[in-house]
Amino acid sequence: MNKKVLTIAGLALTALLGGCANTAALEESVANLGNKVDQLSAEVSSLKSEQGQLASTVRSAKSAAMDAKAEAKRANDRLDNMATRYKK
């Protein structure tokens, strides 16, 4: 029984020490992930700015379309009034 416990403890200690010896690769991986997160954060910021500009353009276009619609309605009303008054 003691041999099993000692064997398991030895394997666990070996695995623990083996895991600690490979910290350089782990640190490099964490640094790479940090760089990727920074790149994605910059991209998200850029996309938010672009989306804000597009939203402003859409609001402007919608306003222009509503103005054109109102002007067309006013012109049609004037034409309708002219047609009812005209007699041969």
PDB file of N, CA and C in Angstrom:
ATOM      1  N   MET A   1       0.824  -1.189   0.000  1.00  0.00           N
ATOM      2  CA  MET A   1       0.000   0.000   0.000  1.00  0.00           C
ATOM      3  C   MET A   1       0.867   1.251   0.000  1.00  0.00           C
ATOM      4  N   ASN A   2       1.914   1.244   0.851  1.00  0.00           N
ATOM      5  CA  ASN A   2       2.803   2.399   0.919  1.00  0.00           C
ATOM      6  C   ASN A   2       3.530   2.614  -0.405  1.00  0.00           C
ATOM      7  N   LYS A   3       3.872   1.520  -1.078  1.00  0.00           N
ATOM      8  CA  LYS A   3       4.558   1.649  -2.360  1.00  0.00           C
ATOM      9  C   LYS A   3       3.665   2.344  -3.386  1.00  0.00           C
ATOM     10  N   LYS A   4       2.352   2.043  -3.375  1.00  0.00           N
ATOM     11  CA  LYS A   4       1.421   2.688  -4.303  1.00  0.00           C
ATOM     12  C   LYS A   4       1.332   4.180  -4.001  1.00  0.00           C
ATOM     13  N   VAL A   5       1.234   4.534  -2.740  1.00  0.00           N
ATOM     14  CA  VAL A   5       1.122   5.942  -2.345  1.00  0.00           C
ATOM     15  C   VAL A   5       2.397   6.672  -2.738  1.00  0.00           C
ATOM     16  N   LEU A   6       3.545   6.059  -2.478  1.00  0.00           N
ATOM     17  CA  LEU A   6       4.820   6.692  -2.832  1.00  0.00           C
ATOM     18  C   LEU A   6       4.963   6.820  -4.351  1.00  0.00           C
ATOM     19  N   THR A   7       4.516   5.817  -5.080  1.00  0.00           N
ATOM     20  CA  THR A   7       4.588   5.865  -6.536  1.00  0.00           C
ATOM     21  C   THR A   7       3.693   6.975  -7.080  1.00  0.00           C
ATOM     22  N   ILE A   8       2.492   7.082  -6.564  1.00  0.00           N
ATOM     23  CA  ILE A   8       1.554   8.127  -7.000  1.00  0.00           C
ATOM     24  C   ILE A   8       2.105   9.503  -6.640  1.00  0.00           C
ATOM     25  N   ALA A   9       2.641   9.634  -5.435  1.00  0.00           N
ATOM     26  CA  ALA A   9       3.222  10.908  -5.018  1.00  0.00           C
ATOM     27  C   ALA A   9       4.419  11.255  -5.893  1.00  0.00           C
ATOM     28  N   GLY A  10       5.238  10.275  -6.227  1.00  0.00           N
ATOM     29  CA  GLY A  10       6.389  10.508  -7.100  1.00  0.00           C
ATOM     30  C   GLY A  10       5.965  10.946  -8.496  1.00  0.00           C
ATOM     31  N   LEU A  11       4.944  10.310  -9.024  1.00  0.00           N
ATOM     32  CA  LEU A  11       4.429  10.701 -10.345  1.00  0.00           C
ATOM     33  C   LEU A  11       3.856  12.108 -10.319  1.00  0.00           C
ATOM     34  N   ALA A  12       3.138  12.426  -9.255  1.00  0.00           N
ATOM     35  CA  ALA A  12       2.560  13.760  -9.135  1.00  0.00           C
ATOM     36  C   ALA A  12       3.658  14.808  -9.034  1.00  0.00           C
ATOM     37  N   LEU A  13       4.699  14.526  -8.251  1.00  0.00           N
ATOM     38  CA  LEU A  13       5.811  15.453  -8.104  1.00  0.00           C
ATOM     39  C   LEU A  13       6.554  15.618  -9.427  1.00  0.00           C
ATOM     40  N   THR A  14       6.743  14.538 -10.152  1.00  0.00           N
ATOM     41  CA  THR A  14       7.402  14.600 -11.464  1.00  0.00           C
ATOM     42  C   THR A  14       6.574  15.437 -12.440  1.00  0.00           C
ATOM     43  N   ALA A  15       5.293  15.228 -12.438  1.00  0.00           N
ATOM     44  CA  ALA A  15       4.415  16.003 -13.323  1.00  0.00           C
ATOM     45  C   ALA A  15       4.438  17.477 -12.937  1.00  0.00           C
ATOM     46  N   LEU A  16       4.446  17.756 -11.655  1.00  0.00           N
ATOM     47  CA  LEU A  16       4.470  19.138 -11.175  1.00  0.00           C
ATOM     48  C   LEU A  16       5.769  19.818 -11.581  1.00  0.00           C
ATOM     49  N   LEU A  17       6.885  19.143 -11.373  1.00  0.00           N
ATOM     50  CA  LEU A  17       8.175  19.710 -11.750  1.00  0.00           C
ATOM     51  C   LEU A  17       8.307  19.840 -13.260  1.00  0.00           C
ATOM     52  N   GLY A  18       7.795  18.891 -13.986  1.00  0.00           N
ATOM     53  CA  GLY A  18       7.823  18.965 -15.445  1.00  0.00           C
ATOM     54  C   GLY A  18       6.992  20.127 -15.951  1.00  0.00           C
ATOM     55  N   GLY A  19       5.877  20.373 -15.311  1.00  0.00           N
ATOM     56  CA  GLY A  19       5.020  21.493 -15.700  1.00  0.00           C
ATOM     57  C   GLY A  19       5.671  22.828 -15.404  1.00  0.00           C
ATOM     58  N   CYS A  20       6.411  22.928 -14.322  1.00  0.00           N
ATOM     59  CA  CYS A  20       7.082  24.173 -13.954  1.00  0.00           C
ATOM     60  C   CYS A  20       8.270  24.464 -14.847  1.00  0.00           C
ATOM     61  N   ALA A  21       8.886  23.438 -15.401  1.00  0.00           N
ATOM     62  CA  ALA A  21      10.064  23.623 -16.234  1.00  0.00           C
ATOM     63  C   ALA A  21       9.718  24.241 -17.582  1.00  0.00           C
ATOM     64  N   ASN A  22       8.482  24.195 -18.028  1.00  0.00           N
ATOM     65  CA  ASN A  22       8.079  24.652 -19.343  1.00  0.00           C
ATOM     66  C   ASN A  22       7.389  26.005 -19.261  1.00  0.00           C
ATOM     67  N   THR A  23       7.827  26.889 -18.385  1.00  0.00           N
ATOM     68  CA  THR A  23       7.156  28.177 -18.221  1.00  0.00           C
ATOM     69  C   THR A  23       7.491  29.153 -19.336  1.00  0.00           C
ATOM     70  N   ALA A  24       8.623  28.995 -19.999  1.00  0.00           N
ATOM     71  CA  ALA A  24       8.990  29.918 -21.079  1.00  0.00           C
ATOM     72  C   ALA A  24       7.983  29.834 -22.219  1.00  0.00           C
ATOM     73  N   ALA A  25       7.609  28.627 -22.582  1.00  0.00           N
ATOM     74  CA  ALA A  25       6.625  28.465 -23.653  1.00  0.00           C
ATOM     75  C   ALA A  25       5.268  29.016 -23.217  1.00  0.00           C
ATOM     76  N   LEU A  26       4.945  28.808 -21.955  1.00  0.00           N
ATOM     77  CA  LEU A  26       3.679  29.318 -21.433  1.00  0.00           C
ATOM     78  C   LEU A  26       3.672  30.839 -21.425  1.00  0.00           C
ATOM     79  N   GLU A  27       4.778  31.448 -21.002  1.00  0.00           N
ATOM     80  CA  GLU A  27       4.875  32.908 -20.996  1.00  0.00           C
ATOM     81  C   GLU A  27       4.793  33.471 -22.410  1.00  0.00           C
ATOM     82  N   GLU A  28       5.431  32.801 -23.360  1.00  0.00           N
ATOM     83  CA  GLU A  28       5.365  33.236 -24.755  1.00  0.00           C
ATOM     84  C   GLU A  28       3.936  33.140 -25.281  1.00  0.00           C
ATOM     85  N   SER A  29       3.249  32.079 -24.925  1.00  0.00           N
ATOM     86  CA  SER A  29       1.868  31.905 -25.348  1.00  0.00           C
ATOM     87  C   SER A  29       0.968  32.993 -24.761  1.00  0.00           C
ATOM     88  N   VAL A  30       1.194  33.314 -23.492  1.00  0.00           N
ATOM     89  CA  VAL A  30       0.404  34.369 -22.839  1.00  0.00           C
ATOM     90  C   VAL A  30       0.697  35.718 -23.488  1.00  0.00           C
ATOM     91  N   ALA A  31       1.968  35.975 -23.810  1.00  0.00           N
ATOM     92  CA  ALA A  31       2.326  37.233 -24.469  1.00  0.00           C
ATOM     93  C   ALA A  31       1.655  37.329 -25.840  1.00  0.00           C
ATOM     94  N   ASN A  32       1.661  36.217 -26.584  1.00  0.00           N
ATOM     95  CA  ASN A  32       1.002  36.210 -27.903  1.00  0.00           C
ATOM     96  C   ASN A  32      -0.493  36.472 -27.767  1.00  0.00           C
ATOM     97  N   LEU A  33      -1.096  35.856 -26.767  1.00  0.00           N
ATOM     98  CA  LEU A  33      -2.531  36.085 -26.556  1.00  0.00           C
ATOM     99  C   LEU A  33      -2.799  37.529 -26.162  1.00  0.00           C
ATOM    100  N   GLY A  34      -1.910  38.106 -25.352  1.00  0.00           N
ATOM    101  CA  GLY A  34      -2.055  39.517 -24.973  1.00  0.00           C
ATOM    102  C   GLY A  34      -1.984  40.417 -26.192  1.00  0.00           C
ATOM    103  N   ASN A  35      -1.049  40.122 -27.104  1.00  0.00           N
ATOM    104  CA  ASN A  35      -0.941  40.915 -28.334  1.00  0.00           C
ATOM    105  C   ASN A  35      -2.199  40.789 -29.183  1.00  0.00           C
ATOM    106  N   LYS A  36      -2.727  39.584 -29.270  1.00  0.00           N
ATOM    107  CA  LYS A  36      -3.949  39.380 -30.054  1.00  0.00           C
ATOM    108  C   LYS A  36      -5.125  40.132 -29.455  1.00  0.00           C
ATOM    109  N   VAL A  37      -5.201  40.143 -28.119  1.00  0.00           N
ATOM    110  CA  VAL A  37      -6.277  40.880 -27.448  1.00  0.00           C
ATOM    111  C   VAL A  37      -6.142  42.370 -27.730  1.00  0.00           C
ATOM    112  N   ASP A  38      -4.913  42.888 -27.697  1.00  0.00           N
ATOM    113  CA  ASP A  38      -4.689  44.303 -27.998  1.00  0.00           C
ATOM    114  C   ASP A  38      -5.099  44.627 -29.432  1.00  0.00           C
ATOM    115  N   GLN A  39      -4.751  43.753 -30.378  1.00  0.00           N
ATOM    116  CA  GLN A  39      -5.132  43.965 -31.776  1.00  0.00           C
ATOM    117  C   GLN A  39      -6.650  43.954 -31.933  1.00  0.00           C
ATOM    118  N   LEU A  40      -7.303  43.016 -31.281  1.00  0.00           N
ATOM    119  CA  LEU A  40      -8.767  42.938 -31.383  1.00  0.00           C
ATOM    120  C   LEU A  40      -9.426  44.149 -30.736  1.00  0.00           C
ATOM    121  N   SER A  41      -8.867  44.625 -29.640  1.00  0.00           N
ATOM    122  CA  SER A  41      -9.419  45.818 -28.992  1.00  0.00           C
ATOM    123  C   SER A  41      -9.307  47.023 -29.912  1.00  0.00           C
ATOM    124  N   ALA A  42      -8.171  47.166 -30.581  1.00  0.00           N
ATOM    125  CA  ALA A  42      -7.996  48.269 -31.523  1.00  0.00           C
ATOM    126  C   ALA A  42      -8.965  48.143 -32.688  1.00  0.00           C
ATOM    127  N   GLU A  43      -9.166  46.918 -33.174  1.00  0.00           N
ATOM    128  CA  GLU A  43     -10.090  46.699 -34.291  1.00  0.00           C
ATOM    129  C   GLU A  43     -11.527  47.007 -33.882  1.00  0.00           C
ATOM    130  N   VAL A  44     -11.907  46.610 -32.675  1.00  0.00           N
ATOM    131  CA  VAL A  44     -13.255  46.890 -32.186  1.00  0.00           C
ATOM    132  C   VAL A  44     -13.460  48.393 -32.059  1.00  0.00           C
ATOM    133  N   SER A  45     -12.457  49.088 -31.554  1.00  0.00           N
ATOM    134  CA  SER A  45     -12.554  50.537 -31.432  1.00  0.00           C
ATOM    135  C   SER A  45     -12.729  51.190 -32.798  1.00  0.00           C
ATOM    136  N   SER A  46     -11.959  50.718 -33.765  1.00  0.00           N
ATOM    137  CA  SER A  46     -12.060  51.243 -35.118  1.00  0.00           C
ATOM    138  C   SER A  46     -13.437  50.972 -35.717  1.00  0.00           C
ATOM    139  N   LEU A  47     -13.940  49.768 -35.506  1.00  0.00           N
ATOM    140  CA  LEU A  47     -15.260  49.417 -36.037  1.00  0.00           C
ATOM    141  C   LEU A  47     -16.369  50.228 -35.370  1.00  0.00           C
ATOM    142  N   LYS A  48     -16.222  50.506 -34.077  1.00  0.00           N
ATOM    143  CA  LYS A  48     -17.221  51.340 -33.394  1.00  0.00           C
ATOM    144  C   LYS A  48     -17.237  52.740 -33.982  1.00  0.00           C
ATOM    145  N   SER A  49     -16.063  53.273 -34.249  1.00  0.00           N
ATOM    146  CA  SER A  49     -15.975  54.604 -34.849  1.00  0.00           C
ATOM    147  C   SER A  49     -16.614  54.612 -36.232  1.00  0.00           C
ATOM    148  N   GLU A  50     -16.294  53.604 -37.026  1.00  0.00           N
ATOM    149  CA  GLU A  50     -16.870  53.501 -38.366  1.00  0.00           C
ATOM    150  C   GLU A  50     -18.383  53.345 -38.312  1.00  0.00           C
ATOM    151  N   GLN A  51     -18.863  52.562 -37.363  1.00  0.00           N
ATOM    152  CA  GLN A  51     -20.310  52.357 -37.222  1.00  0.00           C
ATOM    153  C   GLN A  51     -20.987  53.670 -36.838  1.00  0.00           C
ATOM    154  N   GLY A  52     -20.339  54.464 -35.993  1.00  0.00           N
ATOM    155  CA  GLY A  52     -20.896  55.759 -35.622  1.00  0.00           C
ATOM    156  C   GLY A  52     -21.002  56.689 -36.818  1.00  0.00           C
ATOM    157  N   GLN A  53     -19.967  56.685 -37.663  1.00  0.00           N
ATOM    158  CA  GLN A  53     -19.997  57.514 -38.863  1.00  0.00           C
ATOM    159  C   GLN A  53     -21.097  57.052 -39.818  1.00  0.00           C
ATOM    160  N   LEU A  54     -21.241  55.744 -39.966  1.00  0.00           N
ATOM    161  CA  LEU A  54     -22.288  55.219 -40.849  1.00  0.00           C
ATOM    162  C   LEU A  54     -23.676  55.553 -40.321  1.00  0.00           C
ATOM    163  N   ALA A  55     -23.854  55.479 -39.010  1.00  0.00           N
ATOM    164  CA  ALA A  55     -25.148  55.813 -38.419  1.00  0.00           C
ATOM    165  C   ALA A  55     -25.478  57.281 -38.672  1.00  0.00           C
ATOM    166  N   SER A  56     -24.479  58.141 -38.562  1.00  0.00           N
ATOM    167  CA  SER A  56     -24.687  59.563 -38.834  1.00  0.00           C
ATOM    168  C   SER A  56     -25.068  59.781 -40.297  1.00  0.00           C
ATOM    169  N   THR A  57     -24.405  59.077 -41.202  1.00  0.00           N
ATOM    170  CA  THR A  57     -24.713  59.186 -42.628  1.00  0.00           C
ATOM    171  C   THR A  57     -26.132  58.697 -42.913  1.00  0.00           C
ATOM    172  N   VAL A  58     -26.523  57.621 -42.263  1.00  0.00           N
ATOM    173  CA  VAL A  58     -27.875  57.087 -42.462  1.00  0.00           C
ATOM    174  C   VAL A  58     -28.917  58.081 -41.958  1.00  0.00           C
ATOM    175  N   ARG A  59     -28.665  58.681 -40.799  1.00  0.00           N
ATOM    176  CA  ARG A  59     -29.613  59.682 -40.289  1.00  0.00           C
ATOM    177  C   ARG A  59     -29.730  60.856 -41.243  1.00  0.00           C
ATOM    178  N   SER A  60     -28.605  61.294 -41.793  1.00  0.00           N
ATOM    179  CA  SER A  60     -28.606  62.404 -42.740  1.00  0.00           C
ATOM    180  C   SER A  60     -29.377  62.035 -44.009  1.00  0.00           C
ATOM    181  N   ALA A  61     -29.141  60.833 -44.512  1.00  0.00           N
ATOM    182  CA  ALA A  61     -29.844  60.384 -45.723  1.00  0.00           C
ATOM    183  C   ALA A  61     -31.340  60.247 -45.466  1.00  0.00           C
ATOM    184  N   LYS A  62     -31.696  59.760 -44.288  1.00  0.00           N
ATOM    185  CA  LYS A  62     -33.116  59.613 -43.955  1.00  0.00           C
ATOM    186  C   LYS A  62     -33.786  60.977 -43.884  1.00  0.00           C
ATOM    187  N   SER A  63     -33.097  61.947 -43.294  1.00  0.00           N
ATOM    188  CA  SER A  63     -33.646  63.297 -43.218  1.00  0.00           C
ATOM    189  C   SER A  63     -33.832  63.892 -44.608  1.00  0.00           C
ATOM    190  N   ALA A  64     -32.843  63.700 -45.482  1.00  0.00           N
ATOM    191  CA  ALA A  64     -32.944  64.215 -46.849  1.00  0.00           C
ATOM    192  C   ALA A  64     -34.098  63.539 -47.597  1.00  0.00           C
ATOM    193  N   ALA A  65     -34.280  62.249 -47.376  1.00  0.00           N
ATOM    194  CA  ALA A  65     -35.371  61.528 -48.040  1.00  0.00           C
ATOM    195  C   ALA A  65     -36.727  62.035 -47.556  1.00  0.00           C
ATOM    196  N   MET A  66     -36.837  62.287 -46.255  1.00  0.00           N
ATOM    197  CA  MET A  66     -38.106  62.804 -45.722  1.00  0.00           C
ATOM    198  C   MET A  66     -38.395  64.200 -46.274  1.00  0.00           C
ATOM    199  N   ASP A  67     -37.350  65.041 -46.398  1.00  0.00           N
ATOM    200  CA  ASP A  67     -37.534  66.374 -46.975  1.00  0.00           C
ATOM    201  C   ASP A  67     -37.988  66.278 -48.435  1.00  0.00           C
ATOM    202  N   ALA A  68     -37.364  65.366 -49.179  1.00  0.00           N
ATOM    203  CA  ALA A  68     -37.743  65.192 -50.587  1.00  0.00           C
ATOM    204  C   ALA A  68     -39.173  64.685 -50.698  1.00  0.00           C
ATOM    205  N   LYS A  69     -39.566  63.790 -49.806  1.00  0.00           N
ATOM    206  CA  LYS A  69     -40.934  63.263 -49.823  1.00  0.00           C
ATOM    207  C   LYS A  69     -41.937  64.378 -49.539  1.00  0.00           C
ATOM    208  N   ALA A  70     -41.622  65.225 -48.563  1.00  0.00           N
ATOM    209  CA  ALA A  70     -42.525  66.335 -48.232  1.00  0.00           C
ATOM    210  C   ALA A  70     -42.623  67.313 -49.395  1.00  0.00           C
ATOM    211  N   GLU A  71     -41.494  67.589 -50.040  1.00  0.00           N
ATOM    212  CA  GLU A  71     -41.505  68.515 -51.182  1.00  0.00           C
ATOM    213  C   GLU A  71     -42.294  67.919 -52.350  1.00  0.00           C
ATOM    214  N   ALA A  72     -42.160  66.626 -52.590  1.00  0.00           N
ATOM    215  CA  ALA A  72     -42.913  65.976 -53.663  1.00  0.00           C
ATOM    216  C   ALA A  72     -44.409  66.023 -53.361  1.00  0.00           C
ATOM    217  N   LYS A  73     -44.781  65.802 -52.112  1.00  0.00           N
ATOM    218  CA  LYS A  73     -46.205  65.864 -51.744  1.00  0.00           C
ATOM    219  C   LYS A  73     -46.747  67.272 -51.964  1.00  0.00           C
ATOM    220  N   ARG A  74     -45.942  68.279 -51.581  1.00  0.00           N
ATOM    221  CA  ARG A  74     -46.379  69.658 -51.766  1.00  0.00           C
ATOM    222  C   ARG A  74     -46.542  69.981 -53.260  1.00  0.00           C
ATOM    223  N   ALA A  75     -45.610  69.495 -54.083  1.00  0.00           N
ATOM    224  CA  ALA A  75     -45.705  69.733 -55.521  1.00  0.00           C
ATOM    225  C   ALA A  75     -46.917  69.010 -56.108  1.00  0.00           C
ATOM    226  N   ASN A  76     -47.185  67.796 -55.671  1.00  0.00           N
ATOM    227  CA  ASN A  76     -48.359  67.072 -56.160  1.00  0.00           C
ATOM    228  C   ASN A  76     -49.654  67.766 -55.757  1.00  0.00           C
ATOM    229  N   ASP A  77     -49.696  68.283 -54.547  1.00  0.00           N
ATOM    230  CA  ASP A  77     -50.888  69.017 -54.114  1.00  0.00           C
ATOM    231  C   ASP A  77     -51.108  70.254 -54.980  1.00  0.00           C
ATOM    232  N   ARG A  78     -50.019  70.961 -55.307  1.00  0.00           N
ATOM    233  CA  ARG A  78     -50.150  72.142 -56.171  1.00  0.00           C
ATOM    234  C   ARG A  78     -50.670  71.742 -57.544  1.00  0.00           C
ATOM    235  N   LEU A  79     -50.142  70.637 -58.092  1.00  0.00           N
ATOM    236  CA  LEU A  79     -50.595  70.178 -59.402  1.00  0.00           C
ATOM    237  C   LEU A  79     -52.065  69.747 -59.361  1.00  0.00           C
ATOM    238  N   ASP A  80     -52.464  69.094 -58.273  1.00  0.00           N
ATOM    239  CA  ASP A  80     -53.870  68.691 -58.142  1.00  0.00           C
ATOM    240  C   ASP A  80     -54.773  69.917 -58.115  1.00  0.00           C
ATOM    241  N   ASN A  81     -54.360  70.960 -57.398  1.00  0.00           N
ATOM    242  CA  ASN A  81     -55.160  72.183 -57.340  1.00  0.00           C
ATOM    243  C   ASN A  81     -55.240  72.852 -58.704  1.00  0.00           C
ATOM    244  N   MET A  82     -54.170  72.827 -59.472  1.00  0.00           N
ATOM    245  CA  MET A  82     -54.182  73.434 -60.795  1.00  0.00           C
ATOM    246  C   MET A  82     -55.113  72.652 -61.730  1.00  0.00           C
ATOM    247  N   ALA A  83     -55.143  71.343 -61.615  1.00  0.00           N
ATOM    248  CA  ALA A  83     -55.960  70.515 -62.494  1.00  0.00           C
ATOM    249  C   ALA A  83     -57.436  70.713 -62.205  1.00  0.00           C
ATOM    250  N   THR A  84     -57.809  70.948 -60.972  1.00  0.00           N
ATOM    251  CA  THR A  84     -59.233  71.146 -60.663  1.00  0.00           C
ATOM    252  C   THR A  84     -59.708  72.513 -61.086  1.00  0.00           C
ATOM    253  N   ARG A  85     -58.839  73.493 -61.154  1.00  0.00           N
ATOM    254  CA  ARG A  85     -59.230  74.833 -61.553  1.00  0.00           C
ATOM    255  C   ARG A  85     -59.251  75.023 -63.072  1.00  0.00           C
ATOM    256  N   TYR A  86     -58.525  74.215 -63.779  1.00  0.00           N
ATOM    257  CA  TYR A  86     -58.403  74.398 -65.212  1.00  0.00           C
ATOM    258  C   TYR A  86     -59.660  73.916 -65.929  1.00  0.00           C
ATOM    259  N   LYS A  87     -60.213  74.773 -66.769  1.00  0.00           N
ATOM    260  CA  LYS A  87     -61.377  74.401 -67.575  1.00  0.00           C
ATOM    261  C   LYS A  87     -61.157  74.875 -68.980  1.00  0.00           C
ATOM    262  N   LYS A  88     -61.630  74.102 -69.944  1.00  0.00           N
ATOM    263  CA  LYS A  88     -61.530  74.487 -71.354  1.00  0.00           C
ATOM    264  C   LYS A  88     -62.663  75.374 -71.760  1.00  0.00           C
TER     265      LYS A  88
END
